[in-house]
Protein backbone atom coordinates (compact mmCIF):
# COMPACT_ATOMS: atom_id res chain seq x y z
CA MET A 1 -76.34 6.14 31.63
CA GLY A 2 -75.64 9.57 30.12
CA ARG A 3 -75.07 11.10 33.53
CA SER A 4 -72.48 8.46 34.47
CA ARG A 5 -70.54 9.13 31.27
CA LYS A 6 -70.51 12.88 31.94
CA SER A 7 -69.40 12.28 35.53
CA SER A 8 -66.56 9.98 34.40
CA ALA A 9 -65.32 12.52 31.85
CA ALA A 10 -65.39 15.29 34.42
CA SER A 11 -63.48 13.15 36.90
CA SER A 12 -60.80 12.36 34.30
CA LEU A 13 -60.42 16.05 33.47
CA VAL A 14 -60.08 16.95 37.14
CA ALA A 15 -57.49 14.18 37.62
CA LEU A 16 -55.48 15.40 34.60
CA ILE A 17 -55.49 18.97 35.85
CA THR A 18 -54.47 17.80 39.30
CA LEU A 19 -51.55 15.78 37.89
CA CYS A 20 -50.36 18.72 35.77
CA VAL A 21 -50.46 21.05 38.77
CA ALA A 22 -48.63 18.48 40.91
CA SER A 23 -45.98 18.01 38.22
CA LEU A 24 -45.38 21.75 37.98
CA VAL A 25 -45.09 22.01 41.73
CA LEU A 26 -42.65 19.08 41.95
CA PHE A 27 -40.56 20.42 39.03
CA THR A 28 -40.37 23.85 40.68
CA ILE A 29 -39.30 22.35 43.98
CA TYR A 30 -36.75 20.06 42.17
CA VAL A 31 -35.16 23.00 40.39
CA LYS A 32 -34.96 25.22 43.46
CA GLU A 33 -33.66 22.64 45.98
CA ASP A 34 -30.01 21.59 46.18
CA ASP A 35 -28.58 18.11 45.53
CA SER A 36 -29.40 17.00 49.11
CA GLY A 37 -33.11 17.86 48.78
CA PRO A 38 -35.82 15.22 49.19
CA LEU A 39 -36.69 14.93 45.51
CA HIS A 40 -33.03 14.45 44.53
CA THR A 41 -32.71 11.83 47.27
CA VAL A 42 -35.76 9.94 45.95
CA GLN A 43 -34.36 10.07 42.39
CA LEU A 44 -31.02 8.61 43.44
CA GLY A 45 -32.73 5.86 45.45
CA ALA A 46 -34.90 4.88 42.51
CA ALA A 47 -31.84 4.75 40.25
CA GLU A 48 -30.06 2.40 42.65
CA VAL A 49 -33.11 0.15 42.89
CA LEU A 50 -33.53 -0.04 39.07
CA ARG A 51 -29.81 -0.52 38.24
CA PRO A 52 -29.94 -4.37 38.33
CA VAL A 53 -32.98 -4.27 36.09
CA ARG A 54 -31.15 -2.10 33.58
CA GLY A 55 -28.14 -4.46 33.72
CA LEU A 56 -30.31 -7.49 32.99
CA PHE A 57 -31.97 -5.65 30.11
CA GLY A 58 -28.53 -4.73 28.70
CA LEU A 59 -27.33 -8.34 28.90
CA ALA A 60 -30.46 -9.50 27.16
CA THR A 61 -30.10 -7.01 24.30
CA SER A 62 -26.27 -7.12 23.86
CA PRO A 63 -26.21 -10.29 21.65
CA VAL A 64 -28.78 -8.68 19.39
CA SER A 65 -26.72 -5.47 19.18
CA ALA A 66 -23.47 -7.38 18.55
CA ALA A 67 -25.10 -9.49 15.86
CA SER A 68 -26.49 -6.36 14.23
CA GLU A 69 -23.03 -4.74 14.23
CA ARG A 70 -21.46 -7.88 12.73
CA VAL A 71 -24.07 -7.99 9.97
CA GLU A 72 -23.53 -4.31 9.19
CA GLY A 73 -19.73 -4.82 9.17
CA ALA A 74 -20.03 -7.81 6.86
CA LEU A 75 -22.26 -5.84 4.51
CA ASP A 76 -19.83 -2.90 4.53
CA ALA A 77 -16.83 -5.19 3.81
CA SER A 78 -18.71 -6.95 1.01
CA GLU A 79 -19.73 -3.66 -0.58
CA LYS A 80 -16.16 -2.38 -0.25
CA ARG A 81 -14.73 -5.48 -1.96
CA GLU A 82 -17.33 -5.19 -4.71
CA LEU A 83 -16.51 -1.52 -5.28
CA GLU A 84 -12.76 -2.24 -5.31
CA ALA A 85 -13.23 -5.07 -7.81
CA ARG A 86 -15.37 -2.84 -10.01
CA ALA A 87 -12.80 -0.01 -9.87
CA LEU A 88 -10.01 -2.45 -10.78
CA GLU A 89 -12.07 -3.73 -13.69
CA TYR A 90 -12.61 -0.18 -14.96
CA GLU A 91 -8.88 0.60 -14.66
CA GLU A 92 -7.93 -2.55 -16.58
CA GLY A 93 -10.48 -1.71 -19.25
CA ALA A 94 -9.13 1.84 -19.61
CA ALA A 95 -5.54 0.55 -19.82
CA GLU A 96 -6.51 -1.99 -22.48
CA ALA A 97 -8.35 0.66 -24.48
CA ALA A 98 -5.30 2.95 -24.34
CA ARG A 99 -3.03 0.08 -25.44
CA LEU A 100 -5.28 -0.77 -28.38
CA ARG A 101 -5.49 2.90 -29.37
CA ASP A 102 -1.69 3.24 -29.37
CA GLU A 103 -1.31 -0.02 -31.30
CA ASN A 104 -3.86 1.05 -33.91
CA GLU A 105 -2.09 4.38 -34.34
CA ARG A 106 1.28 2.66 -34.69
CA LEU A 107 -0.03 0.17 -37.26
CA ARG A 108 -1.80 2.96 -39.16
CA ASP A 109 1.49 4.86 -39.40
CA LEU A 110 3.19 1.78 -40.78
CA LEU A 111 0.52 1.28 -43.43
CA ASP A 112 0.11 4.95 -44.32
CA GLY A 113 3.86 5.32 -44.79
CA GLU A 114 4.09 2.74 -47.57
CA ARG A 115 5.83 3.88 -50.75
CA PRO A 116 4.59 2.50 -54.06
CA SER A 117 8.14 1.78 -55.23
CA PHE A 118 8.90 -0.38 -52.17
CA THR A 119 7.96 -3.99 -51.53
CA TYR A 120 7.39 -4.70 -47.85
CA SER A 121 7.26 -7.87 -45.81
CA PRO A 122 4.20 -8.53 -43.66
CA LEU A 123 4.14 -6.82 -40.27
CA ALA A 124 6.61 -8.37 -37.86
CA ARG A 125 6.91 -7.97 -34.10
CA VAL A 126 10.08 -7.59 -32.07
CA VAL A 127 10.25 -10.73 -29.94
CA ALA A 128 13.66 -10.53 -28.23
CA PRO A 129 16.77 -8.38 -27.80
CA VAL A 130 20.15 -10.04 -28.41
CA GLY A 131 23.80 -9.08 -28.25
CA GLY A 132 26.37 -8.04 -25.69
CA GLN A 133 27.65 -4.78 -24.33
CA LEU A 134 28.88 -3.39 -27.66
CA THR A 135 26.01 -4.62 -29.83
CA GLU A 136 22.41 -3.60 -30.22
CA ARG A 137 20.29 -6.16 -32.02
CA VAL A 138 16.76 -7.51 -31.87
CA VAL A 139 14.94 -10.54 -33.26
CA ILE A 140 11.68 -10.20 -35.20
CA ASN A 141 9.11 -12.90 -35.95
CA GLY A 142 9.39 -12.56 -39.71
CA GLY A 143 11.79 -14.61 -41.82
CA SER A 144 12.56 -16.06 -45.20
CA ASP A 145 9.01 -17.40 -45.54
CA ASP A 146 7.95 -13.74 -45.61
CA GLY A 147 10.54 -12.73 -48.20
CA VAL A 148 13.08 -11.48 -45.64
CA ALA A 149 16.75 -11.89 -46.56
CA PRO A 150 20.07 -10.63 -45.15
CA GLU A 151 21.14 -6.99 -45.64
CA GLN A 152 17.61 -5.59 -45.94
CA PRO A 153 16.42 -2.33 -44.30
CA VAL A 154 13.96 -2.55 -41.41
CA VAL A 155 11.61 0.40 -40.85
CA VAL A 156 8.87 1.67 -38.56
CA GLY A 157 6.33 4.46 -38.94
CA ASN A 158 6.68 6.56 -42.06
CA ASN A 159 9.75 4.71 -43.36
CA THR A 160 11.99 5.47 -40.39
CA LEU A 161 15.07 3.28 -40.61
CA ILE A 162 15.81 1.36 -37.41
CA GLY A 163 18.38 -1.13 -38.75
CA ARG A 164 19.03 -3.91 -41.22
CA THR A 165 18.74 -7.68 -41.20
CA THR A 166 21.87 -9.75 -40.62
CA ASP A 167 22.76 -13.11 -42.13
CA ARG A 168 20.90 -14.82 -39.28
CA VAL A 169 17.58 -15.31 -41.05
CA THR A 170 15.42 -18.39 -40.50
CA PRO A 171 12.07 -19.24 -42.10
CA ASN A 172 10.20 -17.53 -39.26
CA THR A 173 12.67 -15.13 -37.59
CA ALA A 174 15.37 -12.64 -38.48
CA GLU A 175 18.04 -10.81 -36.52
CA VAL A 176 18.09 -7.02 -36.95
CA LEU A 177 21.22 -4.92 -36.47
CA LEU A 178 20.07 -1.55 -35.10
CA VAL A 179 21.42 1.76 -36.39
CA THR A 180 23.01 2.37 -32.98
CA ASP A 181 25.14 -0.77 -33.22
CA GLN A 182 28.85 -0.10 -33.81
CA ASN A 183 28.81 -2.51 -36.74
CA PHE A 184 26.11 -0.55 -38.55
CA ALA A 185 26.96 1.96 -41.28
CA ALA A 186 24.91 3.77 -43.90
CA GLY A 187 25.49 6.53 -46.41
CA VAL A 188 23.37 9.54 -45.47
CA ARG A 189 22.70 13.08 -46.47
CA ILE A 190 21.57 15.98 -44.32
CA LEU A 191 18.45 17.95 -45.21
CA PRO A 192 16.79 21.02 -43.66
CA PRO A 193 13.24 20.81 -42.27
CA LYS A 194 10.45 21.52 -44.70
CA ALA A 195 9.03 25.02 -44.25
CA PRO A 196 5.40 25.20 -43.07
CA GLN A 197 2.93 26.16 -45.78
CA GLY A 198 2.72 29.92 -46.28
CA GLU A 199 6.28 30.66 -45.13
CA THR A 200 8.86 32.11 -47.46
CA ASP A 201 12.34 30.62 -47.71
CA GLU A 202 13.75 33.48 -45.68
CA GLU A 203 11.14 33.04 -42.96
CA SER A 204 11.67 29.30 -42.90
CA THR A 205 15.38 29.78 -42.40
CA THR A 206 14.74 31.98 -39.37
CA SER A 207 11.97 29.88 -37.87
CA GLY A 208 13.72 26.65 -38.82
CA GLU A 209 16.62 27.43 -36.54
CA SER A 210 14.42 27.88 -33.46
CA THR A 211 12.11 24.99 -34.36
CA SER A 212 15.02 22.66 -35.00
CA ARG A 213 16.46 23.44 -31.60
CA GLU A 214 13.08 22.70 -30.01
CA SER A 215 12.71 19.43 -31.87
CA THR A 216 16.24 18.43 -30.95
CA ALA A 217 15.57 19.21 -27.29
CA ASP A 218 12.51 16.99 -27.44
CA GLY A 219 14.45 14.17 -29.10
CA ALA A 220 13.04 12.34 -32.05
CA SER A 221 9.50 13.43 -31.16
CA GLY A 222 10.12 16.59 -33.15
CA THR A 223 9.95 14.58 -36.39
CA SER A 224 6.20 14.26 -35.93
CA GLU A 225 5.84 18.03 -36.34
CA ARG A 226 8.47 18.71 -39.01
CA GLU A 227 9.71 16.61 -41.89
CA PRO A 228 12.75 16.77 -44.14
CA ASP A 229 12.61 18.90 -47.25
CA PHE A 230 13.61 16.42 -49.94
CA GLY A 231 13.47 19.18 -52.56
CA ALA A 232 16.06 21.35 -50.80
CA ASN A 233 19.77 21.36 -51.44
CA SER A 234 21.67 18.90 -49.28
CA HIS A 235 23.39 20.34 -46.21
CA GLY A 236 26.07 17.70 -46.46
CA GLU A 237 26.71 14.00 -46.98
CA GLY A 238 28.63 11.45 -44.99
CA LEU A 239 28.70 8.06 -43.32
CA LEU A 240 26.36 7.31 -40.42
CA ARG A 241 27.86 5.10 -37.72
CA THR A 242 28.31 4.80 -33.95
CA SER A 243 31.71 5.73 -32.55
CA TRP A 244 33.62 3.71 -29.96
CA GLU A 245 32.51 6.30 -27.42
CA GLY A 246 28.90 5.30 -28.11
CA TYR A 247 27.81 8.41 -30.06
CA LEU A 248 25.72 8.01 -33.21
CA GLY A 249 27.03 10.52 -35.72
CA VAL A 250 27.78 11.39 -39.32
CA ASP A 251 31.43 11.22 -40.36
CA TYR A 252 33.18 12.81 -43.33
CA VAL A 253 30.89 15.85 -43.65
CA ASP A 254 32.84 18.68 -45.27
CA LEU A 255 33.66 21.72 -43.14
CA ASN A 256 31.98 23.96 -45.71
CA ALA A 257 28.70 22.03 -45.56
CA ASP A 258 25.61 23.90 -44.31
CA ALA A 259 24.65 21.22 -41.77
CA GLU A 260 23.20 22.66 -38.56
CA GLN A 261 21.46 21.54 -35.42
CA GLY A 262 17.94 20.26 -36.09
CA ASP A 263 18.58 19.13 -39.68
CA PHE A 264 17.24 15.74 -40.72
CA VAL A 265 19.49 12.80 -41.50
CA VAL A 266 18.21 10.48 -44.26
CA THR A 267 19.74 7.67 -46.26
CA SER A 268 21.45 8.71 -49.49
CA GLY A 269 21.25 5.31 -51.19
CA ARG A 270 24.92 4.49 -50.91
CA ALA A 271 27.43 3.59 -48.21
CA GLY A 272 31.07 3.81 -49.17
CA GLY A 273 31.65 1.78 -52.31
CA ARG A 274 28.42 -0.23 -51.96
CA GLU A 275 25.63 1.25 -54.02
CA LEU A 276 22.02 1.09 -52.89
CA LEU A 277 22.63 -0.77 -49.65
CA PHE A 278 19.60 1.19 -48.47
CA PRO A 279 17.05 2.99 -50.62
CA PRO A 280 17.35 6.78 -50.52
CA GLY A 281 15.16 8.94 -48.32
CA LEU A 282 14.72 6.74 -45.24
CA LEU A 283 14.66 8.90 -42.12
CA VAL A 284 17.38 8.01 -39.61
CA GLY A 285 17.38 10.84 -37.08
CA ILE A 286 17.99 14.50 -36.29
CA ALA A 287 21.26 16.35 -35.95
CA GLU A 288 21.55 16.91 -32.21
CA SER A 289 24.71 18.97 -32.41
CA VAL A 290 26.98 20.27 -35.16
CA SER A 291 30.46 21.60 -34.44
CA SER A 292 33.70 22.19 -36.28
CA GLN A 293 37.26 23.25 -35.59
CA ASP A 294 39.85 24.61 -37.96
CA ILE A 295 42.22 21.79 -37.08
CA ASN A 296 39.63 19.20 -38.15
CA GLN A 297 39.04 18.14 -41.71
CA TYR A 298 35.34 17.35 -41.19
CA LYS A 299 32.41 18.54 -39.11
CA ASN A 300 31.51 16.77 -35.90
CA ILE A 301 27.81 15.82 -36.07
CA VAL A 302 25.96 13.92 -33.34
CA VAL A 303 22.61 12.36 -34.30
CA THR A 304 19.55 11.48 -32.20
CA PRO A 305 17.83 8.38 -33.67
CA ALA A 306 14.30 8.98 -34.90
CA ALA A 307 13.17 5.72 -33.24
CA LYS A 308 14.24 4.49 -29.82
CA ALA A 309 15.20 0.85 -29.44
CA GLU A 310 13.12 0.44 -26.29
CA ASP A 311 9.99 1.62 -28.14
CA LEU A 312 10.23 -0.89 -31.00
CA GLN A 313 7.25 -3.23 -31.33
CA ASP A 314 5.94 -3.68 -34.88
CA VAL A 315 8.29 -3.31 -37.86
CA ARG A 316 8.43 -3.99 -41.58
CA VAL A 317 11.28 -5.15 -43.76
CA ILE A 318 11.76 -3.54 -47.17
CA VAL A 319 12.46 -6.60 -49.29
CA ASP A 320 12.73 -4.80 -52.64
CA TRP A 321 12.81 -1.26 -54.08
């Protein structure tokens, strides 16, 4: 029994060695012969004989391969749609968060800007623009039920005047005539910017000129960095109104007045012969340009509104002061 096992193992080893030697010999001959050699001829013949078998095997496995590709494609498309939906959800969430942040900041400015001597209506929202080519008016969703009456100032932010109510006031709505409307007029005075803390008057005069030009170039956004100096001497007084050419400006400012580009324009509390049509100190805008000629009796002052009509959303009406 033991001898037969040893004989079988020896035979297997001899056979393995023989096959290895035969393989090396055949490989050497295959490499050295040309394409017309006997081994190459045998290889080609075997390939021709097995070609139908390979074709049948390919036909048998092609449905499985196609099904696998379809499943992978469906999974890829599903994952892509899921990722796109998730990305869209994140974008909408970010946009909503930004909107709420801006709204909170705007409402905070309205509340923080309250003056103790003023009585305000509840917050109102601009709901519609009205008017034709030569008028600029909006409708707000606050009316007589909220204490709103005709000829009352309407403000945003830190008491920035954007217009006044007209006689079209209902219990729940009111029409607002914007400061850029040609039918709007208000008595105003012109004030220099307040000097930053730590600056002397002389330094503020120098820096105020450059800063005022920068704030004017940026439009009304410059009012967030500088504010009018209500304790300073007035740089002039006049009547704010929009000309027929469409320019908002201040008329009747004396040629000797110190008004200059970048000064603030605020209500003076009177307009012509009507006293206290608006309370004093409401910000209207910034002097965009100031010019004068010897042949003119008054300075020519163009004003950039502190609030743009297209940005109006939440407002308050000053019902008493």
